Amino acid sequence: MQSAQAGAVALPTTGPKKATVYVAGLHPAVNEQQLLDAFVTFGDILEVNMPADTTDPSKHRGFAFLTFSSPADAQDAIDNYDLNELPGYRGQGRFLKCSVAQPDRFKNESGKAFDRAIWESEEYMKKYVNKDDPRAEAQDKAEAEGDEA
């Protein structure tokens, strides 16, 4: 006997539990409140993130991230809304694609964005750069200027 629904996406069983759902295929008129109203039936939502369009900040990019308070609630939302239409937009041919959100590959473990190349860090310079290398001199000068400011 199969306990999971056919086609259901299972949450990973190892590592930290994921409670953020990626929702794609949003109609351009959908706003955060409409998403919150539709998905709150599955559990407490801690955050709704709809990234803005880079060319027009007043519009979203057609997808969102919903962070639930528990992984089970996130899985319920995925099971119910994946390949279904958002209430209020039925019959318009906009089917949602819902899945467990993947970690942001542009951020480190602490959640900070990578803002410089690894070879610009002091740890890298101390460990890998020969003191005779011109880059080491430039790094020393930059540090000295930073200390003066």
Protein backbone atom coordinates (compact mmCIF):
# COMPACT_ATOMS: atom_id res chain seq x y z
CA MET A 1 0.00 0.00 0.00
CA GLN A 2 1.34 3.40 -1.00
CA SER A 3 0.99 6.07 1.67
CA ALA A 4 1.95 9.11 -0.43
CA GLN A 5 -0.27 10.62 -3.08
CA ALA A 6 0.62 9.85 -6.68
CA GLY A 7 2.93 12.52 -8.05
CA ALA A 8 3.56 14.08 -4.64
CA VAL A 9 6.97 15.60 -4.05
CA ALA A 10 8.51 14.22 -0.88
CA LEU A 11 10.48 16.45 1.45
CA PRO A 12 14.08 15.35 2.04
CA THR A 13 14.54 13.14 5.08
CA THR A 14 18.16 14.08 5.73
CA GLY A 15 19.58 17.46 6.64
CA PRO A 16 17.58 20.44 7.81
CA LYS A 17 13.85 20.29 7.24
CA LYS A 18 12.65 22.53 4.45
CA ALA A 19 9.57 24.64 5.02
CA THR A 20 9.87 27.04 2.05
CA VAL A 21 7.73 26.43 -1.01
CA TYR A 22 8.63 27.71 -4.48
CA VAL A 23 5.48 28.73 -6.40
CA ALA A 24 5.86 29.45 -10.13
CA GLY A 25 3.37 30.31 -12.87
CA LEU A 26 1.76 33.25 -11.09
CA HIS A 27 -0.56 35.55 -13.03
CA PRO A 28 0.88 39.09 -13.31
CA ALA A 29 -2.01 40.50 -11.26
CA VAL A 30 -1.41 38.23 -8.23
CA ASN A 31 -0.21 40.01 -5.09
CA GLU A 32 1.23 38.83 -1.77
CA GLN A 33 -2.09 39.08 0.05
CA GLN A 34 -3.81 36.81 -2.50
CA LEU A 35 -1.05 34.22 -2.10
CA LEU A 36 -1.26 34.47 1.66
CA ASP A 37 -5.06 34.04 1.58
CA ALA A 38 -4.80 30.99 -0.68
CA PHE A 39 -1.99 29.17 1.12
CA VAL A 40 -2.73 30.03 4.78
CA THR A 41 -5.28 27.20 4.88
CA PHE A 42 -2.36 24.75 5.04
CA GLY A 43 -0.62 26.31 8.04
CA ASP A 44 1.09 29.36 9.46
CA ILE A 45 3.08 31.31 6.88
CA LEU A 46 6.11 33.12 8.24
CA GLU A 47 7.13 34.94 5.06
CA VAL A 48 5.94 35.64 1.53
CA ASN A 49 8.64 36.72 -0.91
CA MET A 50 7.71 37.76 -4.46
CA PRO A 51 10.91 38.94 -6.21
CA ALA A 52 10.39 42.14 -8.20
CA ASP A 53 10.95 42.35 -11.94
CA THR A 54 14.36 43.89 -12.65
CA THR A 55 12.98 46.16 -15.39
CA ASP A 56 9.80 47.23 -13.57
CA PRO A 57 9.96 47.03 -9.75
CA SER A 58 6.18 47.47 -9.47
CA LYS A 59 5.70 44.00 -11.05
CA HIS A 60 6.76 40.57 -9.79
CA ARG A 61 8.71 37.99 -11.78
CA GLY A 62 5.95 35.35 -11.87
CA PHE A 63 7.09 33.29 -8.91
CA ALA A 64 7.17 33.48 -5.13
CA PHE A 65 8.60 31.80 -2.04
CA LEU A 66 6.32 30.97 0.88
CA THR A 67 7.96 30.01 4.18
CA PHE A 68 5.73 27.87 6.38
CA SER A 69 6.22 27.28 10.10
CA SER A 70 6.48 23.52 9.58
CA PRO A 71 7.68 21.24 6.77
CA ALA A 72 4.44 19.22 6.95
CA ASP A 73 2.40 22.35 6.20
CA ALA A 74 4.70 23.15 3.28
CA GLN A 75 4.23 19.63 1.91
CA ASP A 76 0.43 19.94 2.22
CA ALA A 77 0.53 23.18 0.21
CA ILE A 78 2.66 21.53 -2.48
CA ASP A 79 0.39 18.49 -2.66
CA ASN A 80 -2.72 20.65 -3.04
CA TYR A 81 -1.58 23.46 -5.34
CA ASP A 82 1.01 21.84 -7.62
CA LEU A 83 -0.42 21.85 -11.17
CA ASN A 84 -3.61 23.57 -9.98
CA GLU A 85 -4.90 27.09 -10.52
CA LEU A 86 -4.93 29.81 -7.91
CA PRO A 87 -8.42 30.73 -6.66
CA GLY A 88 -9.66 33.83 -8.44
CA TYR A 89 -7.68 32.99 -11.56
CA ARG A 90 -9.36 29.71 -12.54
CA GLY A 91 -10.03 29.15 -16.22
CA GLN A 92 -7.19 31.42 -17.34
CA GLY A 93 -4.78 28.58 -18.08
CA ARG A 94 -2.24 29.60 -15.42
CA PHE A 95 -1.28 26.44 -13.59
CA LEU A 96 0.97 26.76 -10.56
CA LYS A 97 4.15 24.74 -10.21
CA CYS A 98 4.89 24.19 -6.53
CA SER A 99 7.95 22.49 -5.09
CA VAL A 100 10.32 22.60 -2.14
CA ALA A 101 12.54 25.66 -2.55
CA GLN A 102 16.22 25.03 -3.15
CA PRO A 103 18.81 26.94 -1.11
CA ASP A 104 20.00 30.19 -2.64
CA ARG A 105 23.19 29.35 -4.47
CA PHE A 106 24.28 32.98 -4.29
CA LYS A 107 24.48 33.05 -0.50
CA ASN A 108 26.84 31.40 1.95
CA GLU A 109 25.88 29.27 4.96
CA SER A 110 25.28 32.31 7.16
CA GLY A 111 22.71 33.68 4.70
CA LYS A 112 24.89 36.56 3.52
CA ALA A 113 25.27 37.18 -0.18
CA PHE A 114 28.65 36.48 -1.70
CA ASP A 115 29.90 40.00 -2.27
CA ARG A 116 33.49 39.40 -3.28
CA ALA A 117 35.75 36.76 -4.77
CA ILE A 118 37.24 34.25 -2.37
CA TRP A 119 40.80 35.28 -3.28
CA GLU A 120 40.04 38.74 -1.93
CA SER A 121 39.58 37.43 1.61
CA GLU A 122 42.32 37.80 4.20
CA GLU A 123 42.23 34.08 5.04
CA TYR A 124 42.85 33.10 1.43
CA MET A 125 45.65 35.62 1.03
CA LYS A 126 47.43 34.43 4.18
CA LYS A 127 47.12 30.78 3.26
CA TYR A 128 47.76 30.74 -0.49
CA VAL A 129 49.55 33.88 -1.63
CA ASN A 130 53.33 34.09 -1.59
CA LYS A 131 54.58 37.32 0.01
CA ASP A 132 56.69 37.99 -3.12
CA ASP A 133 53.50 38.09 -5.20
CA PRO A 134 52.41 41.60 -6.28
CA ARG A 135 48.86 40.79 -5.19
CA ALA A 136 50.10 40.41 -1.63
CA GLU A 137 51.61 43.90 -1.76
CA ALA A 138 48.33 45.31 -3.10
CA GLN A 139 46.42 43.56 -0.31
CA ASP A 140 48.81 44.95 2.31
CA LYS A 141 48.37 48.47 0.90
CA ALA A 142 44.59 48.12 0.88
CA GLU A 143 44.61 46.95 4.49
CA ALA A 144 46.88 49.84 5.51
CA GLU A 145 44.57 52.36 3.81
CA GLY A 146 41.56 50.76 5.50
CA ASP A 147 43.23 51.08 8.90
CA GLU A 148 43.91 54.78 8.33
CA ALA A 149 40.28 55.58 7.48
